[in-house]
Amino acid sequence: MSEIPGIKIQAGYQQGIDNSVIDKLEKAYSEKDKQKLKEACEEFEAIMLSTIFKQMQKSIPKGGLFKEGIAEDIFNDMFVDEVSKSASKQGGIGLSKLLYDSMIKRIENAYKFKEE
C-alpha cells in the first residue's frame, strides 16, 4: 500500500505504472520537496499519456507500403514515450498539475496540524 495519506495503491492494480514513479511520488511527498514532487507528478502523467497513446495506436489498422517488424514496434514505443514526456512537461492534459496541487495541499494541511 502507498504511504501517501488518502491515496491507496495496491500492487495488483498498478497496470502500466512503474513502481519507481510511485516511490518517487512517496519520497517527494514525505520530504516535502516541491521540485521533486512536481517532477514525479510530470513523470506519472507521462506514463499515463503513454499508456493512452499506445492503446490508441492499437486501434489503427495494420498494413501499408512497408513490412512491419520488431524494429518498428520498438521505435514506435520509444517515440510514444518521448512524445508523452514532452507533452507532460508542457502541461499535458493537466493530470500532473492536478496531482501536484492536491499533494501540496495535503502537505500544507499536515504541516499546519503539526504546528498547532
PDB file of N, CA and C in Angstrom:
ATOM      1  N   MET A   1       0.827  -1.195   0.000  1.00  0.00           N
ATOM      2  CA  MET A   1       0.000   0.000   0.000  1.00  0.00           C
ATOM      3  C   MET A   1       0.864   1.248   0.000  1.00  0.00           C
ATOM      4  N   SER A   2       0.350   2.287  -0.545  1.00  0.00           N
ATOM      5  CA  SER A   2       1.040   3.571  -0.588  1.00  0.00           C
ATOM      6  C   SER A   2       1.103   4.207   0.790  1.00  0.00           C
ATOM      7  N   GLU A   3       2.151   5.018   1.008  1.00  0.00           N
ATOM      8  CA  GLU A   3       2.317   5.727   2.266  1.00  0.00           C
ATOM      9  C   GLU A   3       1.670   7.108   2.225  1.00  0.00           C
ATOM     10  N   ILE A   4       1.185   7.547   1.079  1.00  0.00           N
ATOM     11  CA  ILE A   4       0.584   8.868   0.948  1.00  0.00           C
ATOM     12  C   ILE A   4      -0.832   8.806   1.498  1.00  0.00           C
ATOM     13  N   PRO A   5      -1.134   9.614   2.514  1.00  0.00           N
ATOM     14  CA  PRO A   5      -2.467   9.574   3.115  1.00  0.00           C
ATOM     15  C   PRO A   5      -3.570   9.861   2.098  1.00  0.00           C
ATOM     16  N   GLY A   6      -4.588   9.043   2.112  1.00  0.00           N
ATOM     17  CA  GLY A   6      -5.733   9.251   1.228  1.00  0.00           C
ATOM     18  C   GLY A   6      -5.559   8.661  -0.157  1.00  0.00           C
ATOM     19  N   ILE A   7      -4.376   8.124  -0.452  1.00  0.00           N
ATOM     20  CA  ILE A   7      -4.145   7.530  -1.772  1.00  0.00           C
ATOM     21  C   ILE A   7      -3.741   6.079  -1.559  1.00  0.00           C
ATOM     22  N   LYS A   8      -4.613   5.181  -1.951  1.00  0.00           N
ATOM     23  CA  LYS A   8      -4.344   3.758  -1.774  1.00  0.00           C
ATOM     24  C   LYS A   8      -3.937   3.162  -3.113  1.00  0.00           C
ATOM     25  N   ILE A   9      -2.757   2.572  -3.137  1.00  0.00           N
ATOM     26  CA  ILE A   9      -2.250   1.960  -4.359  1.00  0.00           C
ATOM     27  C   ILE A   9      -1.892   0.521  -4.034  1.00  0.00           C
ATOM     28  N   GLN A  10      -2.554  -0.402  -4.689  1.00  0.00           N
ATOM     29  CA  GLN A  10      -2.286  -1.805  -4.460  1.00  0.00           C
ATOM     30  C   GLN A  10      -1.507  -2.344  -5.652  1.00  0.00           C
ATOM     31  N   ALA A  11      -0.536  -3.192  -5.375  1.00  0.00           N
ATOM     32  CA  ALA A  11       0.352  -3.714  -6.412  1.00  0.00           C
ATOM     33  C   ALA A  11      -0.415  -4.344  -7.578  1.00  0.00           C
ATOM     34  N   GLY A  12      -1.498  -5.022  -7.324  1.00  0.00           N
ATOM     35  CA  GLY A  12      -2.259  -5.689  -8.369  1.00  0.00           C
ATOM     36  C   GLY A  12      -2.949  -4.741  -9.326  1.00  0.00           C
ATOM     37  N   TYR A  13      -3.120  -3.484  -8.940  1.00  0.00           N
ATOM     38  CA  TYR A  13      -3.848  -2.529  -9.762  1.00  0.00           C
ATOM     39  C   TYR A  13      -2.946  -1.502 -10.427  1.00  0.00           C
ATOM     40  N   GLN A  14      -1.650  -1.717 -10.428  1.00  0.00           N
ATOM     41  CA  GLN A  14      -0.712  -0.761 -10.995  1.00  0.00           C
ATOM     42  C   GLN A  14      -0.381  -1.090 -12.437  1.00  0.00           C
ATOM     43  N   GLN A  15      -1.364  -1.265 -13.253  1.00  0.00           N
ATOM     44  CA  GLN A  15      -1.133  -1.606 -14.650  1.00  0.00           C
ATOM     45  C   GLN A  15      -0.509  -0.429 -15.366  1.00  0.00           C
ATOM     46  N   GLY A  16       0.686  -0.652 -15.929  1.00  0.00           N
ATOM     47  CA  GLY A  16       1.341   0.388 -16.710  1.00  0.00           C
ATOM     48  C   GLY A  16       2.062   1.427 -15.885  1.00  0.00           C
ATOM     49  N   ILE A  17       2.006   1.341 -14.571  1.00  0.00           N
ATOM     50  CA  ILE A  17       2.665   2.328 -13.732  1.00  0.00           C
ATOM     51  C   ILE A  17       3.860   1.673 -13.062  1.00  0.00           C
ATOM     52  N   ASP A  18       5.036   2.182 -13.375  1.00  0.00           N
ATOM     53  CA  ASP A  18       6.279   1.663 -12.826  1.00  0.00           C
ATOM     54  C   ASP A  18       6.345   1.983 -11.331  1.00  0.00           C
ATOM     55  N   ASN A  19       6.770   1.022 -10.529  1.00  0.00           N
ATOM     56  CA  ASN A  19       6.868   1.242  -9.083  1.00  0.00           C
ATOM     57  C   ASN A  19       7.821   2.373  -8.740  1.00  0.00           C
ATOM     58  N   SER A  20       8.831   2.620  -9.585  1.00  0.00           N
ATOM     59  CA  SER A  20       9.787   3.683  -9.289  1.00  0.00           C
ATOM     60  C   SER A  20       9.107   5.053  -9.286  1.00  0.00           C
ATOM     61  N   VAL A  21       8.098   5.245 -10.115  1.00  0.00           N
ATOM     62  CA  VAL A  21       7.367   6.517 -10.134  1.00  0.00           C
ATOM     63  C   VAL A  21       6.573   6.672  -8.848  1.00  0.00           C
ATOM     64  N   ILE A  22       5.938   5.616  -8.403  1.00  0.00           N
ATOM     65  CA  ILE A  22       5.192   5.650  -7.151  1.00  0.00           C
ATOM     66  C   ILE A  22       6.153   5.936  -5.996  1.00  0.00           C
ATOM     67  N   ASP A  23       7.325   5.304  -6.030  1.00  0.00           N
ATOM     68  CA  ASP A  23       8.330   5.545  -4.985  1.00  0.00           C
ATOM     69  C   ASP A  23       8.794   6.998  -4.993  1.00  0.00           C
ATOM     70  N   LYS A  24       8.990   7.566  -6.191  1.00  0.00           N
ATOM     71  CA  LYS A  24       9.405   8.971  -6.293  1.00  0.00           C
ATOM     72  C   LYS A  24       8.332   9.904  -5.729  1.00  0.00           C
ATOM     73  N   LEU A  25       7.070   9.610  -6.048  1.00  0.00           N
ATOM     74  CA  LEU A  25       5.970  10.412  -5.502  1.00  0.00           C
ATOM     75  C   LEU A  25       5.954  10.347  -3.971  1.00  0.00           C
ATOM     76  N   GLU A  26       6.075   9.134  -3.442  1.00  0.00           N
ATOM     77  CA  GLU A  26       6.047   8.961  -1.994  1.00  0.00           C
ATOM     78  C   GLU A  26       7.234   9.660  -1.327  1.00  0.00           C
ATOM     79  N   LYS A  27       8.421   9.537  -1.926  1.00  0.00           N
ATOM     80  CA  LYS A  27       9.618  10.148  -1.346  1.00  0.00           C
ATOM     81  C   LYS A  27       9.509  11.679  -1.360  1.00  0.00           C
ATOM     82  N   ALA A  28       9.122  12.235  -2.494  1.00  0.00           N
ATOM     83  CA  ALA A  28       8.987  13.691  -2.596  1.00  0.00           C
ATOM     84  C   ALA A  28       7.920  14.201  -1.635  1.00  0.00           C
ATOM     85  N   TYR A  29       6.845  13.452  -1.499  1.00  0.00           N
ATOM     86  CA  TYR A  29       5.766  13.831  -0.578  1.00  0.00           C
ATOM     87  C   TYR A  29       6.269  13.824   0.864  1.00  0.00           C
ATOM     88  N   SER A  30       6.959  12.745   1.247  1.00  0.00           N
ATOM     89  CA  SER A  30       7.424  12.636   2.632  1.00  0.00           C
ATOM     90  C   SER A  30       8.513  13.656   2.953  1.00  0.00           C
ATOM     91  N   GLU A  31       9.331  14.017   1.945  1.00  0.00           N
ATOM     92  CA  GLU A  31      10.392  15.008   2.159  1.00  0.00           C
ATOM     93  C   GLU A  31       9.893  16.445   1.999  1.00  0.00           C
ATOM     94  N   LYS A  32       8.657  16.593   1.538  1.00  0.00           N
ATOM     95  CA  LYS A  32       8.062  17.914   1.280  1.00  0.00           C
ATOM     96  C   LYS A  32       8.899  18.731   0.293  1.00  0.00           C
ATOM     97  N   ASP A  33       9.482  18.029  -0.690  1.00  0.00           N
ATOM     98  CA  ASP A  33      10.321  18.665  -1.713  1.00  0.00           C
ATOM     99  C   ASP A  33       9.437  18.986  -2.918  1.00  0.00           C
ATOM    100  N   LYS A  34       9.104  20.261  -3.087  1.00  0.00           N
ATOM    101  CA  LYS A  34       8.166  20.671  -4.133  1.00  0.00           C
ATOM    102  C   LYS A  34       8.696  20.396  -5.537  1.00  0.00           C
ATOM    103  N   GLN A  35       9.982  20.622  -5.775  1.00  0.00           N
ATOM    104  CA  GLN A  35      10.541  20.400  -7.115  1.00  0.00           C
ATOM    105  C   GLN A  35      10.511  18.921  -7.488  1.00  0.00           C
ATOM    106  N   LYS A  36      10.939  18.062  -6.559  1.00  0.00           N
ATOM    107  CA  LYS A  36      10.907  16.616  -6.824  1.00  0.00           C
ATOM    108  C   LYS A  36       9.472  16.131  -6.992  1.00  0.00           C
ATOM    109  N   LEU A  37       8.563  16.702  -6.216  1.00  0.00           N
ATOM    110  CA  LEU A  37       7.153  16.324  -6.319  1.00  0.00           C
ATOM    111  C   LEU A  37       6.597  16.695  -7.687  1.00  0.00           C
ATOM    112  N   LYS A  38       6.941  17.887  -8.167  1.00  0.00           N
ATOM    113  CA  LYS A  38       6.484  18.326  -9.483  1.00  0.00           C
ATOM    114  C   LYS A  38       7.019  17.400 -10.578  1.00  0.00           C
ATOM    115  N   GLU A  39       8.304  17.054 -10.486  1.00  0.00           N
ATOM    116  CA  GLU A  39       8.913  16.159 -11.479  1.00  0.00           C
ATOM    117  C   GLU A  39       8.264  14.772 -11.450  1.00  0.00           C
ATOM    118  N   ALA A  40       8.006  14.266 -10.249  1.00  0.00           N
ATOM    119  CA  ALA A  40       7.372  12.945 -10.123  1.00  0.00           C
ATOM    120  C   ALA A  40       5.948  12.968 -10.673  1.00  0.00           C
ATOM    121  N   CYS A  41       5.225  14.058 -10.455  1.00  0.00           N
ATOM    122  CA  CYS A  41       3.866  14.191 -10.992  1.00  0.00           C
ATOM    123  C   CYS A  41       3.893  14.236 -12.521  1.00  0.00           C
ATOM    124  N   GLU A  42       4.874  14.945 -13.086  1.00  0.00           N
ATOM    125  CA  GLU A  42       5.004  15.003 -14.542  1.00  0.00           C
ATOM    126  C   GLU A  42       5.347  13.631 -15.111  1.00  0.00           C
ATOM    127  N   GLU A  43       6.215  12.898 -14.410  1.00  0.00           N
ATOM    128  CA  GLU A  43       6.573  11.557 -14.861  1.00  0.00           C
ATOM    129  C   GLU A  43       5.365  10.619 -14.807  1.00  0.00           C
ATOM    130  N   PHE A  44       4.570  10.752 -13.755  1.00  0.00           N
ATOM    131  CA  PHE A  44       3.352   9.954 -13.625  1.00  0.00           C
ATOM    132  C   PHE A  44       2.403  10.242 -14.794  1.00  0.00           C
ATOM    133  N   GLU A  45       2.208  11.539 -15.110  1.00  0.00           N
ATOM    134  CA  GLU A  45       1.335  11.902 -16.221  1.00  0.00           C
ATOM    135  C   GLU A  45       1.891  11.383 -17.542  1.00  0.00           C
ATOM    136  N   ALA A  46       3.214  11.441 -17.723  1.00  0.00           N
ATOM    137  CA  ALA A  46       3.824  10.940 -18.956  1.00  0.00           C
ATOM    138  C   ALA A  46       3.537   9.455 -19.149  1.00  0.00           C
ATOM    139  N   ILE A  47       3.606   8.691 -18.071  1.00  0.00           N
ATOM    140  CA  ILE A  47       3.314   7.253 -18.159  1.00  0.00           C
ATOM    141  C   ILE A  47       1.846   7.032 -18.508  1.00  0.00           C
ATOM    142  N   MET A  48       0.968   7.808 -17.903  1.00  0.00           N
ATOM    143  CA  MET A  48      -0.457   7.677 -18.210  1.00  0.00           C
ATOM    144  C   MET A  48      -0.729   8.034 -19.672  1.00  0.00           C
ATOM    145  N   LEU A  49      -0.135   9.127 -20.148  1.00  0.00           N
ATOM    146  CA  LEU A  49      -0.320   9.525 -21.553  1.00  0.00           C
ATOM    147  C   LEU A  49       0.238   8.469 -22.497  1.00  0.00           C
ATOM    148  N   SER A  50       1.391   7.929 -22.161  1.00  0.00           N
ATOM    149  CA  SER A  50       1.997   6.890 -22.986  1.00  0.00           C
ATOM    150  C   SER A  50       1.069   5.679 -23.102  1.00  0.00           C
ATOM    151  N   THR A  51       0.491   5.299 -21.981  1.00  0.00           N
ATOM    152  CA  THR A  51      -0.447   4.162 -21.981  1.00  0.00           C
ATOM    153  C   THR A  51      -1.659   4.460 -22.865  1.00  0.00           C
ATOM    154  N   ILE A  52      -2.172   5.670 -22.759  1.00  0.00           N
ATOM    155  CA  ILE A  52      -3.332   6.064 -23.574  1.00  0.00           C
ATOM    156  C   ILE A  52      -2.971   6.065 -25.058  1.00  0.00           C
ATOM    157  N   PHE A  53      -1.819   6.676 -25.399  1.00  0.00           N
ATOM    158  CA  PHE A  53      -1.399   6.747 -26.805  1.00  0.00           C
ATOM    159  C   PHE A  53      -1.167   5.358 -27.394  1.00  0.00           C
ATOM    160  N   LYS A  54      -0.563   4.473 -26.613  1.00  0.00           N
ATOM    161  CA  LYS A  54      -0.294   3.115 -27.112  1.00  0.00           C
ATOM    162  C   LYS A  54      -1.594   2.350 -27.347  1.00  0.00           C
ATOM    163  N   GLN A  55      -2.578   2.572 -26.492  1.00  0.00           N
ATOM    164  CA  GLN A  55      -3.883   1.937 -26.715  1.00  0.00           C
ATOM    165  C   GLN A  55      -4.555   2.508 -27.960  1.00  0.00           C
ATOM    166  N   MET A  56      -4.387   3.802 -28.172  1.00  0.00           N
ATOM    167  CA  MET A  56      -4.953   4.431 -29.375  1.00  0.00           C
ATOM    168  C   MET A  56      -4.290   3.871 -30.642  1.00  0.00           C
ATOM    169  N   GLN A  57      -2.972   3.636 -30.563  1.00  0.00           N
ATOM    170  CA  GLN A  57      -2.250   3.087 -31.716  1.00  0.00           C
ATOM    171  C   GLN A  57      -2.767   1.704 -32.098  1.00  0.00           C
ATOM    172  N   LYS A  58      -3.176   0.945 -31.108  1.00  0.00           N
ATOM    173  CA  LYS A  58      -3.694  -0.399 -31.375  1.00  0.00           C
ATOM    174  C   LYS A  58      -4.967  -0.374 -32.220  1.00  0.00           C
ATOM    175  N   SER A  59      -5.662   0.757 -32.199  1.00  0.00           N
ATOM    176  CA  SER A  59      -6.909   0.850 -32.967  1.00  0.00           C
ATOM    177  C   SER A  59      -6.669   1.158 -34.445  1.00  0.00           C
ATOM    178  N   ILE A  60      -5.435   1.482 -34.809  1.00  0.00           N
ATOM    179  CA  ILE A  60      -5.106   1.794 -36.202  1.00  0.00           C
ATOM    180  C   ILE A  60      -4.874   0.488 -36.956  1.00  0.00           C
ATOM    181  N   PRO A  61      -5.553   0.302 -38.072  1.00  0.00           N
ATOM    182  CA  PRO A  61      -5.374  -0.938 -38.838  1.00  0.00           C
ATOM    183  C   PRO A  61      -3.931  -1.113 -39.310  1.00  0.00           C
ATOM    184  N   LYS A  62      -3.443  -2.340 -39.246  1.00  0.00           N
ATOM    185  CA  LYS A  62      -2.081  -2.662 -39.685  1.00  0.00           C
ATOM    186  C   LYS A  62      -2.064  -2.805 -41.201  1.00  0.00           C
ATOM    187  N   GLY A  63      -0.882  -2.618 -41.751  1.00  0.00           N
ATOM    188  CA  GLY A  63      -0.716  -2.781 -43.187  1.00  0.00           C
ATOM    189  C   GLY A  63      -0.229  -1.504 -43.820  1.00  0.00           C
ATOM    190  N   GLY A  64       0.182  -1.590 -45.039  1.00  0.00           N
ATOM    191  CA  GLY A  64       0.679  -0.411 -45.720  1.00  0.00           C
ATOM    192  C   GLY A  64       1.774  -0.780 -46.709  1.00  0.00           C
ATOM    193  N   LEU A  65       2.574   0.198 -47.043  1.00  0.00           N
ATOM    194  CA  LEU A  65       3.618   0.002 -48.037  1.00  0.00           C
ATOM    195  C   LEU A  65       4.814  -0.771 -47.514  1.00  0.00           C
ATOM    196  N   PHE A  66       5.127  -0.622 -46.243  1.00  0.00           N
ATOM    197  CA  PHE A  66       6.342  -1.199 -45.695  1.00  0.00           C
ATOM    198  C   PHE A  66       6.044  -2.391 -44.812  1.00  0.00           C
ATOM    199  N   LYS A  67       6.981  -3.329 -44.833  1.00  0.00           N
ATOM    200  CA  LYS A  67       6.854  -4.515 -43.996  1.00  0.00           C
ATOM    201  C   LYS A  67       7.066  -4.119 -42.539  1.00  0.00           C
ATOM    202  N   GLU A  68       6.209  -4.614 -41.662  1.00  0.00           N
ATOM    203  CA  GLU A  68       6.311  -4.300 -40.245  1.00  0.00           C
ATOM    204  C   GLU A  68       7.213  -5.320 -39.556  1.00  0.00           C
ATOM    205  N   GLY A  69       7.874  -4.886 -38.493  1.00  0.00           N
ATOM    206  CA  GLY A  69       8.758  -5.779 -37.761  1.00  0.00           C
ATOM    207  C   GLY A  69       8.991  -5.302 -36.348  1.00  0.00           C
ATOM    208  N   ILE A  70       9.867  -6.012 -35.648  1.00  0.00           N
ATOM    209  CA  ILE A  70      10.149  -5.703 -34.249  1.00  0.00           C
ATOM    210  C   ILE A  70      10.811  -4.330 -34.111  1.00  0.00           C
ATOM    211  N   ALA A  71      11.652  -3.962 -35.068  1.00  0.00           N
ATOM    212  CA  ALA A  71      12.328  -2.661 -35.003  1.00  0.00           C
ATOM    213  C   ALA A  71      11.315  -1.526 -35.047  1.00  0.00           C
ATOM    214  N   GLU A  72      10.309  -1.665 -35.883  1.00  0.00           N
ATOM    215  CA  GLU A  72       9.271  -0.634 -35.970  1.00  0.00           C
ATOM    216  C   GLU A  72       8.485  -0.539 -34.660  1.00  0.00           C
ATOM    217  N   ASP A  73       8.193  -1.686 -34.059  1.00  0.00           N
ATOM    218  CA  ASP A  73       7.473  -1.697 -32.784  1.00  0.00           C
ATOM    219  C   ASP A  73       8.282  -1.000 -31.685  1.00  0.00           C
ATOM    220  N   ILE A  74       9.583  -1.301 -31.646  1.00  0.00           N
ATOM    221  CA  ILE A  74      10.452  -0.676 -30.642  1.00  0.00           C
ATOM    222  C   ILE A  74      10.520   0.824 -30.880  1.00  0.00           C
ATOM    223  N   PHE A  75      10.703   1.225 -32.139  1.00  0.00           N
ATOM    224  CA  PHE A  75      10.769   2.652 -32.465  1.00  0.00           C
ATOM    225  C   PHE A  75       9.476   3.357 -32.073  1.00  0.00           C
ATOM    226  N   ASN A  76       8.343   2.764 -32.413  1.00  0.00           N
ATOM    227  CA  ASN A  76       7.053   3.381 -32.082  1.00  0.00           C
ATOM    228  C   ASN A  76       6.858   3.530 -30.583  1.00  0.00           C
ATOM    229  N   ASP A  77       7.244   2.502 -29.807  1.00  0.00           N
ATOM    230  CA  ASP A  77       7.132   2.592 -28.347  1.00  0.00           C
ATOM    231  C   ASP A  77       8.006   3.711 -27.792  1.00  0.00           C
ATOM    232  N   MET A  78       9.241   3.796 -28.286  1.00  0.00           N
ATOM    233  CA  MET A  78      10.156   4.850 -27.830  1.00  0.00           C
ATOM    234  C   MET A  78       9.637   6.228 -28.232  1.00  0.00           C
ATOM    235  N   PHE A  79       9.106   6.331 -29.433  1.00  0.00           N
ATOM    236  CA  PHE A  79       8.562   7.600 -29.918  1.00  0.00           C
ATOM    237  C   PHE A  79       7.385   8.055 -29.058  1.00  0.00           C
ATOM    238  N   VAL A  80       6.484   7.151 -28.776  1.00  0.00           N
ATOM    239  CA  VAL A  80       5.311   7.471 -27.954  1.00  0.00           C
ATOM    240  C   VAL A  80       5.740   7.878 -26.544  1.00  0.00           C
ATOM    241  N   ASP A  81       6.728   7.182 -25.985  1.00  0.00           N
ATOM    242  CA  ASP A  81       7.221   7.535 -24.650  1.00  0.00           C
ATOM    243  C   ASP A  81       7.791   8.952 -24.624  1.00  0.00           C
ATOM    244  N   GLU A  82       8.569   9.317 -25.642  1.00  0.00           N
ATOM    245  CA  GLU A  82       9.175  10.654 -25.688  1.00  0.00           C
ATOM    246  C   GLU A  82       8.120  11.739 -25.941  1.00  0.00           C
ATOM    247  N   VAL A  83       7.159  11.466 -26.791  1.00  0.00           N
ATOM    248  CA  VAL A  83       6.074  12.428 -27.027  1.00  0.00           C
ATOM    249  C   VAL A  83       5.280  12.632 -25.736  1.00  0.00           C
ATOM    250  N   SER A  84       5.057  11.561 -25.004  1.00  0.00           N
ATOM    251  CA  SER A  84       4.321  11.645 -23.741  1.00  0.00           C
ATOM    252  C   SER A  84       5.080  12.473 -22.711  1.00  0.00           C
ATOM    253  N   LYS A  85       6.394  12.261 -22.614  1.00  0.00           N
ATOM    254  CA  LYS A  85       7.213  13.054 -21.682  1.00  0.00           C
ATOM    255  C   LYS A  85       7.165  14.532 -22.048  1.00  0.00           C
ATOM    256  N   SER A  86       7.312  14.807 -23.339  1.00  0.00           N
ATOM    257  CA  SER A  86       7.289  16.194 -23.808  1.00  0.00           C
ATOM    258  C   SER A  86       5.935  16.838 -23.540  1.00  0.00           C
ATOM    259  N   ALA A  87       4.878  16.118 -23.821  1.00  0.00           N
ATOM    260  CA  ALA A  87       3.529  16.646 -23.596  1.00  0.00           C
ATOM    261  C   ALA A  87       3.295  16.926 -22.113  1.00  0.00           C
ATOM    262  N   SER A  88       3.751  16.037 -21.255  1.00  0.00           N
ATOM    263  CA  SER A  88       3.565  16.216 -19.819  1.00  0.00           C
ATOM    264  C   SER A  88       4.297  17.456 -19.307  1.00  0.00           C
ATOM    265  N   LYS A  89       5.518  17.677 -19.791  1.00  0.00           N
ATOM    266  CA  LYS A  89       6.295  18.842 -19.359  1.00  0.00           C
ATOM    267  C   LYS A  89       5.665  20.153 -19.838  1.00  0.00           C
ATOM    268  N   GLN A  90       4.891  20.087 -20.925  1.00  0.00           N
ATOM    269  CA  GLN A  90       4.261  21.286 -21.478  1.00  0.00           C
ATOM    270  C   GLN A  90       2.826  21.471 -20.989  1.00  0.00           C
ATOM    271  N   GLY A  91       2.442  20.716 -19.984  1.00  0.00           N
ATOM    272  CA  GLY A  91       1.102  20.875 -19.423  1.00  0.00           C
ATOM    273  C   GLY A  91       0.212  19.678 -19.652  1.00  0.00           C
ATOM    274  N   GLY A  92       0.511  18.892 -20.674  1.00  0.00           N
ATOM    275  CA  GLY A  92      -0.239  17.665 -20.931  1.00  0.00           C
ATOM    276  C   GLY A  92      -1.739  17.857 -20.900  1.00  0.00           C
ATOM    277  N   ILE A  93      -2.413  16.969 -20.182  1.00  0.00           N
ATOM    278  CA  ILE A  93      -3.866  17.054 -20.037  1.00  0.00           C
ATOM    279  C   ILE A  93      -4.245  17.628 -18.683  1.00  0.00           C
ATOM    280  N   GLY A  94      -3.235  18.081 -17.944  1.00  0.00           N
ATOM    281  CA  GLY A  94      -3.485  18.707 -16.645  1.00  0.00           C
ATOM    282  C   GLY A  94      -3.453  17.752 -15.469  1.00  0.00           C
ATOM    283  N   LEU A  95      -3.170  16.489 -15.727  1.00  0.00           N
ATOM    284  CA  LEU A  95      -3.153  15.498 -14.656  1.00  0.00           C
ATOM    285  C   LEU A  95      -2.027  15.775 -13.663  1.00  0.00           C
ATOM    286  N   SER A  96      -0.835  16.112 -14.160  1.00  0.00           N
ATOM    287  CA  SER A  96       0.290  16.358 -13.250  1.00  0.00           C
ATOM    288  C   SER A  96       0.022  17.579 -12.371  1.00  0.00           C
ATOM    289  N   LYS A  97      -0.565  18.629 -12.926  1.00  0.00           N
ATOM    290  CA  LYS A  97      -0.878  19.828 -12.140  1.00  0.00           C
ATOM    291  C   LYS A  97      -1.929  19.511 -11.081  1.00  0.00           C
ATOM    292  N   LEU A  98      -2.945  18.760 -11.464  1.00  0.00           N
ATOM    293  CA  LEU A  98      -3.995  18.376 -10.522  1.00  0.00           C
ATOM    294  C   LEU A  98      -3.426  17.540  -9.375  1.00  0.00           C
ATOM    295  N   LEU A  99      -2.597  16.564  -9.713  1.00  0.00           N
ATOM    296  CA  LEU A  99      -1.979  15.710  -8.701  1.00  0.00           C
ATOM    297  C   LEU A  99      -1.041  16.525  -7.805  1.00  0.00           C
ATOM    298  N   TYR A 100      -0.226  17.382  -8.419  1.00  0.00           N
ATOM    299  CA  TYR A 100       0.709  18.223  -7.666  1.00  0.00           C
ATOM    300  C   TYR A 100      -0.040  19.147  -6.701  1.00  0.00           C
ATOM    301  N   ASP A 101      -1.055  19.850  -7.201  1.00  0.00           N
ATOM    302  CA  ASP A 101      -1.821  20.766  -6.354  1.00  0.00           C
ATOM    303  C   ASP A 101      -2.475  20.039  -5.179  1.00  0.00           C
ATOM    304  N   SER A 102      -3.004  18.860  -5.457  1.00  0.00           N
ATOM    305  CA  SER A 102      -3.650  18.069  -4.410  1.00  0.00           C
ATOM    306  C   SER A 102      -2.649  17.655  -3.336  1.00  0.00           C
ATOM    307  N   MET A 103      -1.474  17.228  -3.756  1.00  0.00           N
ATOM    308  CA  MET A 103      -0.473  16.768  -2.799  1.00  0.00           C
ATOM    309  C   MET A 103       0.125  17.931  -2.016  1.00  0.00           C
ATOM    310  N   ILE A 104       0.300  19.077  -2.653  1.00  0.00           N
ATOM    311  CA  ILE A 104       0.811  20.252  -1.950  1.00  0.00           C
ATOM    312  C   ILE A 104      -0.171  20.673  -0.851  1.00  0.00           C
ATOM    313  N   LYS A 105      -1.469  20.635  -1.163  1.00  0.00           N
ATOM    314  CA  LYS A 105      -2.475  20.969  -0.144  1.00  0.00           C
ATOM    315  C   LYS A 105      -2.403  20.006   1.038  1.00  0.00           C
ATOM    316  N   ARG A 106      -2.190  18.734   0.740  1.00  0.00           N
ATOM    317  CA  ARG A 106      -2.072  17.739   1.812  1.00  0.00           C
ATOM    318  C   ARG A 106      -0.841  18.030   2.671  1.00  0.00           C
ATOM    319  N   ILE A 107       0.268  18.381   2.030  1.00  0.00           N
ATOM    320  CA  ILE A 107       1.493  18.698   2.770  1.00  0.00           C
ATOM    321  C   ILE A 107       1.268  19.925   3.654  1.00  0.00           C
ATOM    322  N   GLU A 108       0.672  20.962   3.081  1.00  0.00           N
ATOM    323  CA  GLU A 108       0.436  22.191   3.841  1.00  0.00           C
ATOM    324  C   GLU A 108      -0.516  21.955   5.008  1.00  0.00           C
ATOM    325  N   ASN A 109      -1.559  21.171   4.768  1.00  0.00           N
ATOM    326  CA  ASN A 109      -2.508  20.871   5.845  1.00  0.00           C
ATOM    327  C   ASN A 109      -1.845  20.041   6.941  1.00  0.00           C
ATOM    328  N   ALA A 110      -1.039  19.072   6.566  1.00  0.00           N
ATOM    329  CA  ALA A 110      -0.352  18.243   7.556  1.00  0.00           C
ATOM    330  C   ALA A 110       0.631  19.086   8.353  1.00  0.00           C
ATOM    331  N   TYR A 111       1.295  20.021   7.700  1.00  0.00           N
ATOM    332  CA  TYR A 111       2.261  20.886   8.376  1.00  0.00           C
ATOM    333  C   TYR A 111       1.562  21.814   9.368  1.00  0.00           C
ATOM    334  N   LYS A 112       0.388  22.334   8.983  1.00  0.00           N
ATOM    335  CA  LYS A 112      -0.374  23.218   9.873  1.00  0.00           C
ATOM    336  C   LYS A 112      -0.798  22.469  11.128  1.00  0.00           C
ATOM    337  N   PHE A 113      -1.231  21.216  10.962  1.00  0.00           N
ATOM    338  CA  PHE A 113      -1.675  20.450  12.112  1.00  0.00           C
ATOM    339  C   PHE A 113      -0.513  20.165  13.064  1.00  0.00           C
ATOM    340  N   LYS A 114       0.689  19.964  12.544  1.00  0.00           N
ATOM    341  CA  LYS A 114       1.840  19.699  13.387  1.00  0.00           C
ATOM    342  C   LYS A 114       2.260  20.931  14.175  1.00  0.00           C
ATOM    343  N   GLU A 115       2.073  22.123  13.582  1.00  0.00           N
ATOM    344  CA  GLU A 115       2.455  23.361  14.257  1.00  0.00           C
ATOM    345  C   GLU A 115       1.558  23.662  15.443  1.00  0.00           C
ATOM    346  N   GLU A 116       0.272  23.365  15.318  1.00  0.00           N
ATOM    347  CA  GLU A 116      -0.709  23.715  16.353  1.00  0.00           C
ATOM    348  C   GLU A 116      -0.629  22.848  17.564  1.00  0.00           C
TER     349      GLU A 116
END
